Amino acid sequence: MRVFAHLSDIHLDGSERADARAAAVTRYLRNLENPVDAVFATGDIADHGLPEEYRRAAELLDLPMPVVVCPGNHDVRARFREAMLGQPASDAPVNSATKVADLLLVSCDSTIPGKGAGYLADETLAWLDDTLASHDGPSFVAFHHPPLDVGVPLVDAIRQTGEDRLAAVLKRHPGITALLCGHVHTGAATEFAGVPVRIAPGVVSGSLLPVEPGAERGWDEGGPLDFDSPPSLLLHVLHDDGRLTTHQRAVTE
């Protein structure tokens, strides 16, 4: 079996709190006795898209295994591309593909600059279609915004739209193991277009379902967010028979 770590929504903002939570998660990954095969970081790496936030993110995510990172709605494409990928600044969608043995790890940019909601641009979908078609084997596809409602009103209002276009691409490529997302700030599992969807919890905070205490809080009271639970991440186990098992781990050190 192979194991992949999946974290999201670090929201580095220069504060000690955000930095400490992100550092705890990356320290957990560094200290694993048997390293994971790769790490996915599915967006909102920086909170304000500032150069100093990305400099710190690049330090924290400089890990001894492949790291696949995609932007979220708090990220700024040009600065993200320079700091996280070492590429020239550009406002074009930030898409990338990485091979790890027989696995293809794809990162797509679902952001709309200046907006909270998500949408895969036509050029991104065409690139994804071509990239998947060129690979004969299993793959993971990562982006920030989930392409469906997940029961958290705060983020359902700003999820990825135009999802029928994505579904059409996915149906042409049956080798996709899972879609990996962030944005929701809570660990969750669902399915889209016949493909498993795994949503990573937020490192900086959690979100609350409408049935949970505190979900009714207004933004002046901190919003329907959980700032007290420890940061956590997902560990995806890809079995030899192609099954995917997902475990959530809270980091309490």
C-alpha atoms as a PDB file:
ATOM      1  CA  MET A   1       0.000   0.000   0.000  1.00  0.00           C
ATOM      2  CA  ARG A   2       0.947   3.636  -0.414  1.00  0.00           C
ATOM      3  CA  VAL A   3       0.061   6.521   1.909  1.00  0.00           C
ATOM      4  CA  PHE A   4      -0.517  10.172   1.001  1.00  0.00           C
ATOM      5  CA  ALA A   5      -0.937  13.085   3.399  1.00  0.00           C
ATOM      6  CA  HIS A   6      -3.562  15.718   2.640  1.00  0.00           C
ATOM      7  CA  LEU A   7      -3.784  19.062   4.407  1.00  0.00           C
ATOM      8  CA  SER A   8      -5.510  22.309   3.534  1.00  0.00           C
ATOM      9  CA  ASP A   9      -6.409  25.853   4.516  1.00  0.00           C
ATOM     10  CA  ILE A  10      -3.254  26.814   6.364  1.00  0.00           C
ATOM     11  CA  HIS A  11      -4.062  30.541   6.099  1.00  0.00           C
ATOM     12  CA  LEU A  12      -0.641  31.786   7.150  1.00  0.00           C
ATOM     13  CA  ASP A  13      -1.160  35.419   8.141  1.00  0.00           C
ATOM     14  CA  GLY A  14       1.934  36.338  10.135  1.00  0.00           C
ATOM     15  CA  SER A  15       0.309  35.426  13.442  1.00  0.00           C
ATOM     16  CA  GLU A  16       1.921  33.082  15.960  1.00  0.00           C
ATOM     17  CA  ARG A  17      -1.236  31.006  16.131  1.00  0.00           C
ATOM     18  CA  ALA A  18      -1.466  30.194  12.413  1.00  0.00           C
ATOM     19  CA  ASP A  19       2.262  29.597  12.201  1.00  0.00           C
ATOM     20  CA  ALA A  20       2.291  27.258  15.196  1.00  0.00           C
ATOM     21  CA  ARG A  21      -0.586  25.174  13.859  1.00  0.00           C
ATOM     22  CA  ALA A  22       0.975  24.837  10.410  1.00  0.00           C
ATOM     23  CA  ALA A  23       4.367  24.033  11.925  1.00  0.00           C
ATOM     24  CA  ALA A  24       2.819  21.320  14.109  1.00  0.00           C
ATOM     25  CA  VAL A  25       1.302  19.596  11.074  1.00  0.00           C
ATOM     26  CA  THR A  26       4.475  19.726   8.986  1.00  0.00           C
ATOM     27  CA  ARG A  27       6.532  18.589  11.993  1.00  0.00           C
ATOM     28  CA  TYR A  28       4.197  15.608  12.335  1.00  0.00           C
ATOM     29  CA  LEU A  29       4.930  14.710   8.707  1.00  0.00           C
ATOM     30  CA  ARG A  30       8.680  15.122   9.137  1.00  0.00           C
ATOM     31  CA  ASN A  31       8.706  12.880  12.211  1.00  0.00           C
ATOM     32  CA  LEU A  32       6.824   9.919  10.732  1.00  0.00           C
ATOM     33  CA  GLU A  33       8.928   6.797  11.078  1.00  0.00           C
ATOM     34  CA  ASN A  34       7.864   5.688   7.586  1.00  0.00           C
ATOM     35  CA  PRO A  35       7.474   8.753   5.346  1.00  0.00           C
ATOM     36  CA  VAL A  36       4.337   9.213   3.276  1.00  0.00           C
ATOM     37  CA  ASP A  37       4.685   8.895  -0.498  1.00  0.00           C
ATOM     38  CA  ALA A  38       3.563  12.484  -1.181  1.00  0.00           C
ATOM     39  CA  VAL A  39       1.776  15.421   0.413  1.00  0.00           C
ATOM     40  CA  PHE A  40      -1.165  17.360  -1.002  1.00  0.00           C
ATOM     41  CA  ALA A  41      -1.858  20.907   0.198  1.00  0.00           C
ATOM     42  CA  THR A  42      -5.180  21.953  -1.309  1.00  0.00           C
ATOM     43  CA  GLY A  43      -5.199  25.708  -1.136  1.00  0.00           C
ATOM     44  CA  ASP A  44      -5.525  28.814   1.002  1.00  0.00           C
ATOM     45  CA  ILE A  45      -1.850  28.542   1.818  1.00  0.00           C
ATOM     46  CA  ALA A  46      -1.586  32.274   2.551  1.00  0.00           C
ATOM     47  CA  ASP A  47      -4.347  34.296   4.173  1.00  0.00           C
ATOM     48  CA  HIS A  48      -3.674  37.597   2.380  1.00  0.00           C
ATOM     49  CA  GLY A  49      -1.480  36.441  -0.510  1.00  0.00           C
ATOM     50  CA  LEU A  50       1.505  38.434   0.797  1.00  0.00           C
ATOM     51  CA  PRO A  51       5.117  37.629  -0.148  1.00  0.00           C
ATOM     52  CA  GLU A  52       6.141  37.075   3.473  1.00  0.00           C
ATOM     53  CA  GLU A  53       3.272  34.600   3.961  1.00  0.00           C
ATOM     54  CA  TYR A  54       4.462  32.586   0.978  1.00  0.00           C
ATOM     55  CA  ARG A  55       8.076  32.705   2.110  1.00  0.00           C
ATOM     56  CA  ARG A  56       7.050  31.072   5.374  1.00  0.00           C
ATOM     57  CA  ALA A  57       4.796  28.571   3.575  1.00  0.00           C
ATOM     58  CA  ALA A  58       7.671  27.540   1.309  1.00  0.00           C
ATOM     59  CA  GLU A  59       9.833  26.901   4.393  1.00  0.00           C
ATOM     60  CA  LEU A  60       7.170  24.833   6.132  1.00  0.00           C
ATOM     61  CA  LEU A  61       6.310  22.787   3.042  1.00  0.00           C
ATOM     62  CA  ASP A  62       9.923  22.058   2.159  1.00  0.00           C
ATOM     63  CA  LEU A  63       9.430  18.404   3.066  1.00  0.00           C
ATOM     64  CA  PRO A  64      11.448  15.253   2.273  1.00  0.00           C
ATOM     65  CA  MET A  65       8.792  13.919  -0.096  1.00  0.00           C
ATOM     66  CA  PRO A  66       6.946  15.288  -3.150  1.00  0.00           C
ATOM     67  CA  VAL A  67       4.535  18.106  -2.267  1.00  0.00           C
ATOM     68  CA  VAL A  68       1.619  18.904  -4.574  1.00  0.00           C
ATOM     69  CA  VAL A  69       0.135  22.309  -3.830  1.00  0.00           C
ATOM     70  CA  CYS A  70      -2.762  24.186  -5.434  1.00  0.00           C
ATOM     71  CA  PRO A  71      -4.053  27.711  -4.802  1.00  0.00           C
ATOM     72  CA  GLY A  72      -7.213  28.628  -2.913  1.00  0.00           C
ATOM     73  CA  ASN A  73      -9.405  31.696  -2.974  1.00  0.00           C
ATOM     74  CA  HIS A  74      -7.156  33.504  -0.449  1.00  0.00           C
ATOM     75  CA  ASP A  75      -4.088  32.933  -2.604  1.00  0.00           C
ATOM     76  CA  VAL A  76      -2.685  35.272  -5.277  1.00  0.00           C
ATOM     77  CA  ARG A  77      -1.663  33.431  -8.430  1.00  0.00           C
ATOM     78  CA  ALA A  78       1.479  35.358  -9.364  1.00  0.00           C
ATOM     79  CA  ARG A  79       2.995  35.302  -5.865  1.00  0.00           C
ATOM     80  CA  PHE A  80       1.885  31.716  -5.271  1.00  0.00           C
ATOM     81  CA  ARG A  81       3.523  30.609  -8.520  1.00  0.00           C
ATOM     82  CA  GLU A  82       6.818  32.343  -7.681  1.00  0.00           C
ATOM     83  CA  ALA A  83       7.130  31.185  -4.065  1.00  0.00           C
ATOM     84  CA  MET A  84       5.521  27.745  -4.122  1.00  0.00           C
ATOM     85  CA  LEU A  85       6.505  26.511  -7.584  1.00  0.00           C
ATOM     86  CA  GLY A  86       9.619  28.549  -8.361  1.00  0.00           C
ATOM     87  CA  GLN A  87       8.086  29.748 -11.638  1.00  0.00           C
ATOM     88  CA  PRO A  88       7.917  33.224 -13.181  1.00  0.00           C
ATOM     89  CA  ALA A  89       5.027  35.354 -11.946  1.00  0.00           C
ATOM     90  CA  SER A  90       1.849  35.005 -14.001  1.00  0.00           C
ATOM     91  CA  ASP A  91      -1.853  35.547 -13.462  1.00  0.00           C
ATOM     92  CA  ALA A  92      -2.741  32.478 -15.561  1.00  0.00           C
ATOM     93  CA  PRO A  93      -4.325  29.460 -13.798  1.00  0.00           C
ATOM     94  CA  VAL A  94      -1.798  27.529 -11.714  1.00  0.00           C
ATOM     95  CA  ASN A  95      -1.981  23.911 -12.910  1.00  0.00           C
ATOM     96  CA  SER A  96       0.650  21.209 -12.460  1.00  0.00           C
ATOM     97  CA  ALA A  97       1.183  17.460 -12.754  1.00  0.00           C
ATOM     98  CA  THR A  98       3.657  15.263 -10.868  1.00  0.00           C
ATOM     99  CA  LYS A  99       4.504  11.585 -11.363  1.00  0.00           C
ATOM    100  CA  VAL A 100       5.238   9.396  -8.342  1.00  0.00           C
ATOM    101  CA  ALA A 101       6.042   5.925  -9.689  1.00  0.00           C
ATOM    102  CA  ASP A 102       2.924   4.860 -11.611  1.00  0.00           C
ATOM    103  CA  LEU A 103       0.713   7.510 -10.006  1.00  0.00           C
ATOM    104  CA  LEU A 104      -0.187  10.838 -11.577  1.00  0.00           C
ATOM    105  CA  LEU A 105      -0.780  13.646  -9.075  1.00  0.00           C
ATOM    106  CA  VAL A 106      -2.662  16.509 -10.726  1.00  0.00           C
ATOM    107  CA  SER A 107      -3.248  19.963  -9.264  1.00  0.00           C
ATOM    108  CA  CYS A 108      -5.867  22.248 -10.836  1.00  0.00           C
ATOM    109  CA  ASP A 109      -6.560  25.912 -10.138  1.00  0.00           C
ATOM    110  CA  SER A 110     -10.224  26.363  -9.221  1.00  0.00           C
ATOM    111  CA  THR A 111      -9.855  29.985  -8.128  1.00  0.00           C
ATOM    112  CA  ILE A 112     -11.511  33.049  -9.605  1.00  0.00           C
ATOM    113  CA  PRO A 113      -9.183  35.981  -8.833  1.00  0.00           C
ATOM    114  CA  GLY A 114     -10.860  38.357  -6.417  1.00  0.00           C
ATOM    115  CA  LYS A 115     -13.756  35.985  -5.661  1.00  0.00           C
ATOM    116  CA  GLY A 116     -14.474  33.462  -2.935  1.00  0.00           C
ATOM    117  CA  ALA A 117     -16.217  30.952  -5.173  1.00  0.00           C
ATOM    118  CA  GLY A 118     -14.539  28.522  -7.548  1.00  0.00           C
ATOM    119  CA  TYR A 119     -14.694  27.612 -11.234  1.00  0.00           C
ATOM    120  CA  LEU A 120     -12.384  25.613 -13.485  1.00  0.00           C
ATOM    121  CA  ALA A 121     -11.494  27.763 -16.490  1.00  0.00           C
ATOM    122  CA  ASP A 122     -11.929  26.239 -19.931  1.00  0.00           C
ATOM    123  CA  GLU A 123      -8.155  26.165 -20.393  1.00  0.00           C
ATOM    124  CA  THR A 124      -7.751  24.303 -17.103  1.00  0.00           C
ATOM    125  CA  LEU A 125     -10.356  21.697 -18.049  1.00  0.00           C
ATOM    126  CA  ALA A 126      -8.753  21.204 -21.478  1.00  0.00           C
ATOM    127  CA  TRP A 127      -5.340  20.820 -19.820  1.00  0.00           C
ATOM    128  CA  LEU A 128      -6.777  18.329 -17.296  1.00  0.00           C
ATOM    129  CA  ASP A 129      -8.404  16.289 -20.065  1.00  0.00           C
ATOM    130  CA  ASP A 130      -5.154  16.123 -22.048  1.00  0.00           C
ATOM    131  CA  THR A 131      -3.044  15.368 -18.969  1.00  0.00           C
ATOM    132  CA  LEU A 132      -5.246  12.480 -17.867  1.00  0.00           C
ATOM    133  CA  ALA A 133      -5.399  11.111 -21.407  1.00  0.00           C
ATOM    134  CA  SER A 134      -1.600  10.930 -21.540  1.00  0.00           C
ATOM    135  CA  HIS A 135      -1.377   8.747 -18.416  1.00  0.00           C
ATOM    136  CA  ASP A 136      -2.108   5.031 -18.291  1.00  0.00           C
ATOM    137  CA  GLY A 137      -2.564   4.374 -14.600  1.00  0.00           C
ATOM    138  CA  PRO A 138      -4.145   5.662 -11.386  1.00  0.00           C
ATOM    139  CA  SER A 139      -4.317   9.363 -10.612  1.00  0.00           C
ATOM    140  CA  PHE A 140      -5.379  11.869  -7.990  1.00  0.00           C
ATOM    141  CA  VAL A 141      -6.914  15.203  -9.039  1.00  0.00           C
ATOM    142  CA  ALA A 142      -6.655  18.033  -6.517  1.00  0.00           C
ATOM    143  CA  PHE A 143      -8.228  21.487  -6.406  1.00  0.00           C
ATOM    144  CA  HIS A 144      -9.411  23.830  -3.673  1.00  0.00           C
ATOM    145  CA  HIS A 145     -13.178  24.160  -4.142  1.00  0.00           C
ATOM    146  CA  PRO A 146     -15.440  21.086  -3.900  1.00  0.00           C
ATOM    147  CA  PRO A 147     -17.680  20.766  -6.993  1.00  0.00           C
ATOM    148  CA  LEU A 148     -20.819  20.002  -4.955  1.00  0.00           C
ATOM    149  CA  ASP A 149     -22.683  20.997  -1.790  1.00  0.00           C
ATOM    150  CA  VAL A 150     -21.369  19.395   1.394  1.00  0.00           C
ATOM    151  CA  GLY A 151     -23.863  20.597   4.014  1.00  0.00           C
ATOM    152  CA  VAL A 152     -21.848  23.542   5.357  1.00  0.00           C
ATOM    153  CA  PRO A 153     -23.810  26.647   4.268  1.00  0.00           C
ATOM    154  CA  LEU A 154     -20.801  28.940   4.740  1.00  0.00           C
ATOM    155  CA  VAL A 155     -18.870  27.207   1.968  1.00  0.00           C
ATOM    156  CA  ASP A 156     -21.713  25.758  -0.093  1.00  0.00           C
ATOM    157  CA  ALA A 157     -22.471  29.355  -1.057  1.00  0.00           C
ATOM    158  CA  ILE A 158     -18.961  29.703  -2.542  1.00  0.00           C
ATOM    159  CA  ARG A 159     -18.246  26.210  -3.852  1.00  0.00           C
ATOM    160  CA  GLN A 160     -17.031  25.314  -7.336  1.00  0.00           C
ATOM    161  CA  THR A 161     -19.684  25.878 -10.002  1.00  0.00           C
ATOM    162  CA  GLY A 162     -19.835  24.747 -13.632  1.00  0.00           C
ATOM    163  CA  GLU A 163     -19.370  21.236 -12.298  1.00  0.00           C
ATOM    164  CA  ASP A 164     -21.172  19.571 -15.203  1.00  0.00           C
ATOM    165  CA  ARG A 165     -18.148  20.432 -17.373  1.00  0.00           C
ATOM    166  CA  LEU A 166     -15.811  18.771 -14.878  1.00  0.00           C
ATOM    167  CA  ALA A 167     -18.065  15.701 -14.685  1.00  0.00           C
ATOM    168  CA  ALA A 168     -17.867  15.281 -18.450  1.00  0.00           C
ATOM    169  CA  VAL A 169     -14.050  15.230 -18.291  1.00  0.00           C
ATOM    170  CA  LEU A 170     -13.924  12.814 -15.362  1.00  0.00           C
ATOM    171  CA  LYS A 171     -16.191  10.309 -17.075  1.00  0.00           C
ATOM    172  CA  ARG A 172     -13.680  10.006 -19.899  1.00  0.00           C
ATOM    173  CA  HIS A 173     -10.942   8.911 -17.488  1.00  0.00           C
ATOM    174  CA  PRO A 174     -11.912   5.953 -15.273  1.00  0.00           C
ATOM    175  CA  GLY A 175      -8.444   5.694 -13.700  1.00  0.00           C
ATOM    176  CA  ILE A 176      -9.020   8.561 -11.241  1.00  0.00           C
ATOM    177  CA  THR A 177      -8.606   7.323  -7.675  1.00  0.00           C
ATOM    178  CA  ALA A 178     -10.106  10.389  -5.974  1.00  0.00           C
ATOM    179  CA  LEU A 179     -10.698  14.124  -6.097  1.00  0.00           C
ATOM    180  CA  LEU A 180      -8.919  15.943  -3.256  1.00  0.00           C
ATOM    181  CA  CYS A 181     -10.269  19.296  -2.041  1.00  0.00           C
ATOM    182  CA  GLY A 182     -10.079  21.826   0.768  1.00  0.00           C
ATOM    183  CA  HIS A 183     -12.080  25.024   1.357  1.00  0.00           C
ATOM    184  CA  VAL A 184     -14.601  23.496   3.786  1.00  0.00           C
ATOM    185  CA  HIS A 185     -12.358  23.525   6.897  1.00  0.00           C
ATOM    186  CA  THR A 186     -13.664  20.126   7.958  1.00  0.00           C
ATOM    187  CA  GLY A 187     -12.751  16.590   7.014  1.00  0.00           C
ATOM    188  CA  ALA A 188     -15.417  15.032   4.825  1.00  0.00           C
ATOM    189  CA  ALA A 189     -15.978  12.284   2.266  1.00  0.00           C
ATOM    190  CA  THR A 190     -18.483  12.205  -0.572  1.00  0.00           C
ATOM    191  CA  GLU A 191     -18.694  11.326  -4.274  1.00  0.00           C
ATOM    192  CA  PHE A 192     -18.903  13.302  -7.497  1.00  0.00           C
ATOM    193  CA  ALA A 193     -19.467  11.924 -11.009  1.00  0.00           C
ATOM    194  CA  GLY A 194     -18.769   8.438  -9.677  1.00  0.00           C
ATOM    195  CA  VAL A 195     -15.397   9.464  -8.227  1.00  0.00           C
ATOM    196  CA  PRO A 196     -14.599   9.498  -4.476  1.00  0.00           C
ATOM    197  CA  VAL A 197     -14.131  12.994  -3.039  1.00  0.00           C
ATOM    198  CA  ARG A 198     -11.972  13.608   0.009  1.00  0.00           C
ATOM    199  CA  ILE A 199     -12.046  17.020   1.697  1.00  0.00           C
ATOM    200  CA  ALA A 200      -9.239  17.884   4.105  1.00  0.00           C
ATOM    201  CA  PRO A 201      -9.895  19.619   7.417  1.00  0.00           C
ATOM    202  CA  GLY A 202      -8.624  23.157   7.858  1.00  0.00           C
ATOM    203  CA  VAL A 203      -5.277  23.525   9.584  1.00  0.00           C
ATOM    204  CA  VAL A 204      -6.099  27.035  10.828  1.00  0.00           C
ATOM    205  CA  SER A 205      -9.679  26.319  11.989  1.00  0.00           C
ATOM    206  CA  GLY A 206     -12.684  24.041  11.629  1.00  0.00           C
ATOM    207  CA  SER A 207     -16.182  24.724  10.367  1.00  0.00           C
ATOM    208  CA  LEU A 208     -19.422  23.754  12.055  1.00  0.00           C
ATOM    209  CA  LEU A 209     -22.449  21.969  10.642  1.00  0.00           C
ATOM    210  CA  PRO A 210     -25.817  23.661  11.283  1.00  0.00           C
ATOM    211  CA  VAL A 211     -26.667  21.028  13.935  1.00  0.00           C
ATOM    212  CA  GLU A 212     -23.572  21.784  16.039  1.00  0.00           C
ATOM    213  CA  PRO A 213     -23.390  24.264  18.926  1.00  0.00           C
ATOM    214  CA  GLY A 214     -21.959  27.596  17.821  1.00  0.00           C
ATOM    215  CA  ALA A 215     -23.037  27.268  14.186  1.00  0.00           C
ATOM    216  CA  GLU A 216     -25.477  30.127  14.662  1.00  0.00           C
ATOM    217  CA  ARG A 217     -22.761  32.620  15.620  1.00  0.00           C
ATOM    218  CA  GLY A 218     -22.508  35.769  13.536  1.00  0.00           C
ATOM    219  CA  TRP A 219     -19.221  36.977  12.105  1.00  0.00           C
ATOM    220  CA  ASP A 220     -18.880  39.541  14.886  1.00  0.00           C
ATOM    221  CA  GLU A 221     -18.780  36.546  17.273  1.00  0.00           C
ATOM    222  CA  GLY A 222     -16.209  34.586  15.280  1.00  0.00           C
ATOM    223  CA  GLY A 223     -18.582  33.035  12.776  1.00  0.00           C
ATOM    224  CA  PRO A 224     -19.618  29.370  12.522  1.00  0.00           C
ATOM    225  CA  LEU A 225     -15.995  28.294  12.965  1.00  0.00           C
ATOM    226  CA  ASP A 226     -14.163  26.129  15.487  1.00  0.00           C
ATOM    227  CA  PHE A 227     -10.899  27.706  16.615  1.00  0.00           C
ATOM    228  CA  ASP A 228     -10.338  25.429  19.616  1.00  0.00           C
ATOM    229  CA  SER A 229      -9.877  21.959  18.129  1.00  0.00           C
ATOM    230  CA  PRO A 230      -6.294  20.992  17.249  1.00  0.00           C
ATOM    231  CA  PRO A 231      -5.128  21.152  13.624  1.00  0.00           C
ATOM    232  CA  SER A 232      -5.615  17.948  11.672  1.00  0.00           C
ATOM    233  CA  LEU A 233      -4.945  16.323   8.327  1.00  0.00           C
ATOM    234  CA  LEU A 234      -5.963  13.288   6.294  1.00  0.00           C
ATOM    235  CA  LEU A 235      -3.917  10.219   5.482  1.00  0.00           C
ATOM    236  CA  HIS A 236      -5.078   8.452   2.312  1.00  0.00           C
ATOM    237  CA  VAL A 237      -4.149   4.788   2.033  1.00  0.00           C
ATOM    238  CA  LEU A 238      -4.114   3.501  -1.543  1.00  0.00           C
ATOM    239  CA  HIS A 239      -4.331  -0.283  -1.401  1.00  0.00           C
ATOM    240  CA  ASP A 240      -2.816  -2.590  -3.978  1.00  0.00           C
ATOM    241  CA  ASP A 241      -6.292  -3.481  -5.247  1.00  0.00           C
ATOM    242  CA  GLY A 242      -7.063   0.215  -5.969  1.00  0.00           C
ATOM    243  CA  ARG A 243      -9.242   0.851  -2.916  1.00  0.00           C
ATOM    244  CA  LEU A 244      -8.813   4.126  -1.028  1.00  0.00           C
ATOM    245  CA  THR A 245      -9.106   4.288   2.758  1.00  0.00           C
ATOM    246  CA  THR A 246      -8.914   7.670   4.487  1.00  0.00           C
ATOM    247  CA  HIS A 247      -7.922   8.358   8.084  1.00  0.00           C
ATOM    248  CA  GLN A 248      -8.083  11.702   9.911  1.00  0.00           C
ATOM    249  CA  ARG A 249      -5.366  12.611  12.394  1.00  0.00           C
ATOM    250  CA  ALA A 250      -5.422  15.458  14.901  1.00  0.00           C
ATOM    251  CA  VAL A 251      -2.003  16.914  15.741  1.00  0.00           C
ATOM    252  CA  THR A 252      -1.866  17.644  19.472  1.00  0.00           C
ATOM    253  CA  GLU A 253       1.842  18.131  20.121  1.00  0.00           C
END
